[in-house]
């Protein structure tokens, strides 16, 4: 809503022009950078998978999607994180199948 210059009413106040502000650093939050992606990929390659991730991948191989979700929910604490991890692990299982 634009100010009208009148002292009363819904759009009261002095008429001003909006300034164009530079984007704040917080607006980048959550975006993946190339460097971060590279480092995470490298760390995953060096360290491998945790025991619970290995168990989940075995369950995914035999088609126990729901069991994996429940297991991950217990381990990670939220259904949203569990779904994301299940997708990540099922993608890995899929790539391993095509690699063979």
N, C-alpha and C. Protein backbone atom coordinates (compact mmCIF):
# COMPACT_ATOMS: atom_id res chain seq x y z
N UNK A 1 0.84 -1.18 0.00
CA UNK A 1 0.00 0.00 0.00
C UNK A 1 0.88 1.24 0.00
N UNK A 2 0.49 2.19 -0.80
CA UNK A 2 1.27 3.41 -0.97
C UNK A 2 0.72 4.51 -0.08
N UNK A 3 1.59 5.24 0.58
CA UNK A 3 1.17 6.35 1.44
C UNK A 3 0.56 7.45 0.58
N UNK A 4 -0.46 8.13 1.15
CA UNK A 4 -1.18 9.15 0.40
C UNK A 4 -0.73 10.58 0.73
N UNK A 5 -0.02 10.73 1.84
CA UNK A 5 0.37 12.07 2.26
C UNK A 5 -0.63 12.67 3.22
N UNK A 6 -1.71 11.96 3.47
CA UNK A 6 -2.73 12.43 4.41
C UNK A 6 -2.43 11.83 5.79
N UNK A 7 -2.73 12.57 6.84
CA UNK A 7 -2.35 12.17 8.19
C UNK A 7 -3.26 11.09 8.78
N UNK A 8 -4.41 10.83 8.18
CA UNK A 8 -5.33 9.82 8.73
C UNK A 8 -5.71 8.82 7.65
N UNK A 9 -6.23 7.70 8.10
CA UNK A 9 -6.72 6.70 7.15
C UNK A 9 -5.79 5.51 7.03
N UNK A 10 -6.21 4.59 6.16
CA UNK A 10 -5.48 3.33 6.01
C UNK A 10 -4.07 3.54 5.45
N UNK A 11 -3.94 4.43 4.46
CA UNK A 11 -2.63 4.67 3.83
C UNK A 11 -2.02 5.99 4.27
N UNK A 12 -2.14 6.29 5.56
CA UNK A 12 -1.64 7.57 6.06
C UNK A 12 -0.13 7.62 6.03
N UNK A 13 0.42 8.80 6.02
CA UNK A 13 1.86 8.96 6.12
C UNK A 13 2.46 9.73 4.97
N UNK A 14 3.71 10.11 5.16
CA UNK A 14 4.45 10.88 4.18
C UNK A 14 4.75 10.04 2.95
N UNK A 15 4.63 10.60 1.77
CA UNK A 15 4.91 9.87 0.53
C UNK A 15 6.42 9.73 0.36
N UNK A 16 6.87 8.50 0.23
CA UNK A 16 8.30 8.23 0.06
C UNK A 16 8.51 7.28 -1.12
N UNK A 17 9.75 7.19 -1.56
CA UNK A 17 10.07 6.21 -2.62
C UNK A 17 10.79 5.03 -1.97
N UNK A 18 10.46 3.84 -2.42
CA UNK A 18 11.08 2.62 -1.89
C UNK A 18 12.52 2.54 -2.35
N UNK A 19 13.42 2.22 -1.41
CA UNK A 19 14.83 2.05 -1.76
C UNK A 19 15.07 0.61 -2.22
N UNK A 20 15.94 0.43 -3.19
CA UNK A 20 16.33 -0.89 -3.65
C UNK A 20 17.50 -1.36 -2.79
N UNK A 21 17.26 -2.33 -1.93
CA UNK A 21 18.29 -2.80 -1.00
C UNK A 21 19.01 -4.02 -1.56
N UNK A 22 20.28 -4.16 -1.20
CA UNK A 22 21.06 -5.34 -1.60
C UNK A 22 20.52 -6.55 -0.86
N UNK A 23 20.55 -7.72 -1.47
CA UNK A 23 20.04 -8.90 -0.77
C UNK A 23 20.89 -9.24 0.45
N UNK A 24 20.22 -9.65 1.50
CA UNK A 24 20.91 -9.97 2.75
C UNK A 24 21.53 -11.36 2.65
N UNK A 25 22.62 -11.59 3.37
CA UNK A 25 23.25 -12.92 3.34
C UNK A 25 22.31 -14.04 3.77
N UNK A 26 21.36 -13.73 4.65
CA UNK A 26 20.42 -14.74 5.14
C UNK A 26 19.52 -15.27 4.03
N UNK A 27 19.37 -14.50 2.95
CA UNK A 27 18.51 -14.97 1.86
C UNK A 27 19.14 -16.11 1.09
N UNK A 28 20.44 -16.34 1.26
CA UNK A 28 21.15 -17.46 0.62
C UNK A 28 21.03 -18.76 1.44
N UNK A 29 20.53 -18.65 2.65
CA UNK A 29 20.53 -19.78 3.58
C UNK A 29 19.86 -21.01 2.97
N UNK A 30 20.55 -22.13 3.09
CA UNK A 30 19.99 -23.38 2.60
C UNK A 30 20.40 -23.73 1.19
N UNK A 31 20.95 -22.78 0.45
CA UNK A 31 21.38 -23.04 -0.92
C UNK A 31 22.72 -23.76 -0.93
N UNK A 32 22.84 -24.77 -1.76
CA UNK A 32 24.10 -25.53 -1.80
C UNK A 32 25.09 -24.87 -2.74
N UNK A 33 26.31 -24.73 -2.27
CA UNK A 33 27.37 -24.20 -3.13
C UNK A 33 28.09 -25.37 -3.79
N UNK A 34 28.83 -25.09 -4.85
CA UNK A 34 29.59 -26.13 -5.55
C UNK A 34 30.63 -26.75 -4.62
N UNK A 35 31.29 -25.88 -3.85
CA UNK A 35 32.35 -26.34 -2.96
C UNK A 35 31.80 -27.28 -1.88
N UNK A 36 30.69 -26.89 -1.26
CA UNK A 36 30.08 -27.71 -0.21
C UNK A 36 29.66 -29.06 -0.77
N UNK A 37 29.05 -29.05 -1.95
CA UNK A 37 28.61 -30.29 -2.58
C UNK A 37 29.80 -31.20 -2.85
N UNK A 38 30.90 -30.62 -3.35
CA UNK A 38 32.10 -31.38 -3.64
C UNK A 38 32.67 -32.00 -2.37
N UNK A 39 32.78 -31.20 -1.31
CA UNK A 39 33.35 -31.67 -0.05
C UNK A 39 32.51 -32.79 0.55
N UNK A 40 31.19 -32.64 0.53
CA UNK A 40 30.30 -33.67 1.09
C UNK A 40 30.43 -34.97 0.31
N UNK A 41 30.54 -34.84 -1.01
CA UNK A 41 30.68 -36.03 -1.86
C UNK A 41 32.00 -36.74 -1.56
N UNK A 42 33.06 -35.97 -1.38
CA UNK A 42 34.37 -36.52 -1.07
C UNK A 42 34.37 -37.22 0.29
N UNK A 43 33.78 -36.58 1.29
CA UNK A 43 33.71 -37.16 2.63
C UNK A 43 32.92 -38.46 2.60
N UNK A 44 31.81 -38.49 1.85
CA UNK A 44 31.00 -39.69 1.73
C UNK A 44 31.81 -40.82 1.09
N UNK A 45 32.60 -40.48 0.10
CA UNK A 45 33.43 -41.45 -0.61
C UNK A 45 34.49 -42.05 0.32
N UNK A 46 35.08 -41.21 1.16
CA UNK A 46 36.15 -41.65 2.06
C UNK A 46 35.60 -42.44 3.24
N UNK A 47 34.54 -41.94 3.87
CA UNK A 47 34.04 -42.54 5.11
C UNK A 47 33.07 -43.68 4.87
N UNK A 48 32.36 -43.68 3.75
CA UNK A 48 31.37 -44.72 3.50
C UNK A 48 30.06 -44.43 4.19
N UNK A 49 29.29 -45.49 4.44
CA UNK A 49 27.95 -45.35 5.02
C UNK A 49 27.95 -45.81 6.47
N UNK A 50 27.08 -45.21 7.26
CA UNK A 50 26.95 -45.60 8.67
C UNK A 50 26.21 -46.94 8.74
N UNK A 51 26.32 -47.65 9.85
CA UNK A 51 25.64 -48.94 9.97
C UNK A 51 24.13 -48.86 9.74
N UNK A 52 23.48 -47.81 10.25
CA UNK A 52 22.03 -47.72 10.06
C UNK A 52 21.67 -47.48 8.59
N UNK A 53 22.54 -46.75 7.87
CA UNK A 53 22.30 -46.54 6.44
C UNK A 53 22.48 -47.84 5.66
N UNK A 54 23.46 -48.64 6.05
CA UNK A 54 23.68 -49.94 5.41
C UNK A 54 22.47 -50.84 5.62
N UNK A 55 21.95 -50.84 6.83
CA UNK A 55 20.76 -51.64 7.14
C UNK A 55 19.57 -51.20 6.29
N UNK A 56 19.41 -49.89 6.16
CA UNK A 56 18.32 -49.35 5.35
C UNK A 56 18.46 -49.75 3.89
N UNK A 57 19.68 -49.72 3.38
CA UNK A 57 19.90 -50.09 1.99
C UNK A 57 19.57 -51.57 1.76
N UNK A 58 19.89 -52.41 2.75
CA UNK A 58 19.54 -53.83 2.64
C UNK A 58 18.02 -54.01 2.62
N UNK A 59 17.33 -53.27 3.48
CA UNK A 59 15.87 -53.35 3.52
C UNK A 59 15.25 -52.84 2.23
N UNK A 60 15.85 -51.79 1.66
CA UNK A 60 15.35 -51.25 0.39
C UNK A 60 15.53 -52.25 -0.75
N UNK A 61 16.63 -53.01 -0.71
CA UNK A 61 16.89 -54.00 -1.76
C UNK A 61 15.81 -55.07 -1.80
N UNK A 62 15.26 -55.41 -0.62
CA UNK A 62 14.21 -56.43 -0.59
C UNK A 62 12.80 -55.82 -0.62
N UNK A 63 12.74 -54.49 -0.76
CA UNK A 63 11.45 -53.82 -0.98
C UNK A 63 10.66 -53.47 0.27
N UNK A 64 11.31 -53.28 1.39
CA UNK A 64 10.62 -52.92 2.63
C UNK A 64 10.65 -51.40 2.83
N UNK A 65 9.95 -50.68 1.97
CA UNK A 65 9.94 -49.20 1.99
C UNK A 65 9.40 -48.66 3.32
N UNK A 66 8.27 -49.20 3.75
CA UNK A 66 7.62 -48.68 4.95
C UNK A 66 8.45 -48.96 6.20
N UNK A 67 9.04 -50.16 6.25
CA UNK A 67 9.89 -50.54 7.38
C UNK A 67 11.08 -49.60 7.48
N UNK A 68 11.65 -49.24 6.31
CA UNK A 68 12.78 -48.30 6.25
C UNK A 68 12.37 -46.94 6.80
N UNK A 69 11.19 -46.49 6.39
CA UNK A 69 10.70 -45.18 6.84
C UNK A 69 10.53 -45.16 8.35
N UNK A 70 9.96 -46.21 8.91
CA UNK A 70 9.76 -46.28 10.36
C UNK A 70 11.09 -46.33 11.10
N UNK A 71 12.02 -47.10 10.56
CA UNK A 71 13.35 -47.23 11.16
C UNK A 71 14.09 -45.90 11.15
N UNK A 72 14.04 -45.23 9.98
CA UNK A 72 14.70 -43.93 9.86
C UNK A 72 14.05 -42.87 10.74
N UNK A 73 12.74 -42.95 10.87
CA UNK A 73 12.03 -42.00 11.73
C UNK A 73 12.51 -42.14 13.18
N UNK A 74 12.72 -43.37 13.61
CA UNK A 74 13.25 -43.60 14.97
C UNK A 74 14.65 -43.03 15.10
N UNK A 75 15.49 -43.25 14.09
CA UNK A 75 16.88 -42.82 14.16
C UNK A 75 17.05 -41.32 14.00
N UNK A 76 16.30 -40.71 13.08
CA UNK A 76 16.52 -39.31 12.75
C UNK A 76 15.60 -38.34 13.50
N UNK A 77 14.49 -38.84 14.02
CA UNK A 77 13.66 -38.01 14.88
C UNK A 77 12.48 -37.32 14.22
N UNK A 78 12.43 -37.23 12.88
CA UNK A 78 11.26 -36.62 12.26
C UNK A 78 10.94 -37.32 10.95
N UNK A 79 9.68 -37.33 10.61
CA UNK A 79 9.23 -38.03 9.41
C UNK A 79 9.76 -37.33 8.15
N UNK A 80 9.91 -36.02 8.22
CA UNK A 80 10.41 -35.26 7.07
C UNK A 80 11.86 -35.65 6.74
N UNK A 81 12.69 -35.72 7.78
CA UNK A 81 14.08 -36.13 7.59
C UNK A 81 14.16 -37.57 7.14
N UNK A 82 13.28 -38.40 7.70
CA UNK A 82 13.26 -39.82 7.35
C UNK A 82 12.93 -40.01 5.87
N UNK A 83 11.95 -39.27 5.37
CA UNK A 83 11.56 -39.38 3.95
C UNK A 83 12.70 -38.93 3.05
N UNK A 84 13.37 -37.85 3.43
CA UNK A 84 14.48 -37.34 2.63
C UNK A 84 15.62 -38.35 2.58
N UNK A 85 15.94 -38.95 3.73
CA UNK A 85 17.02 -39.93 3.81
C UNK A 85 16.66 -41.19 3.02
N UNK A 86 15.39 -41.60 3.09
CA UNK A 86 14.95 -42.78 2.34
C UNK A 86 15.10 -42.56 0.85
N UNK A 87 14.73 -41.36 0.39
CA UNK A 87 14.89 -41.03 -1.04
C UNK A 87 16.36 -41.05 -1.45
N UNK A 88 17.20 -40.48 -0.60
CA UNK A 88 18.65 -40.44 -0.86
C UNK A 88 19.21 -41.86 -0.97
N UNK A 89 18.84 -42.72 -0.01
CA UNK A 89 19.35 -44.10 0.01
C UNK A 89 18.78 -44.94 -1.13
N UNK A 90 17.51 -44.72 -1.47
CA UNK A 90 16.92 -45.49 -2.58
C UNK A 90 17.55 -45.10 -3.90
N UNK A 91 17.95 -43.84 -4.02
CA UNK A 91 18.67 -43.39 -5.23
C UNK A 91 20.03 -44.08 -5.31
N UNK A 92 20.71 -44.22 -4.18
CA UNK A 92 22.01 -44.90 -4.14
C UNK A 92 21.86 -46.37 -4.52
N UNK A 93 20.82 -47.01 -3.97
CA UNK A 93 20.56 -48.43 -4.28
C UNK A 93 20.28 -48.58 -5.78
N UNK A 94 19.51 -47.64 -6.33
CA UNK A 94 19.18 -47.67 -7.76
C UNK A 94 20.45 -47.55 -8.62
N UNK A 95 21.34 -46.63 -8.24
CA UNK A 95 22.58 -46.46 -9.01
C UNK A 95 23.48 -47.67 -8.89
N UNK A 96 23.49 -48.31 -7.69
CA UNK A 96 24.31 -49.51 -7.51
C UNK A 96 23.79 -50.67 -8.37
N UNK A 97 22.48 -50.76 -8.53
CA UNK A 97 21.90 -51.82 -9.37
C UNK A 97 22.29 -51.63 -10.83
N UNK A 98 22.24 -50.38 -11.30
CA UNK A 98 22.59 -50.10 -12.70
C UNK A 98 24.07 -50.22 -12.95
N UNK A 99 24.88 -50.04 -11.91
CA UNK A 99 26.34 -50.14 -12.06
C UNK A 99 26.78 -51.59 -12.32
N UNK A 100 25.99 -52.54 -11.82
CA UNK A 100 26.35 -53.95 -11.97
C UNK A 100 26.10 -54.47 -13.37
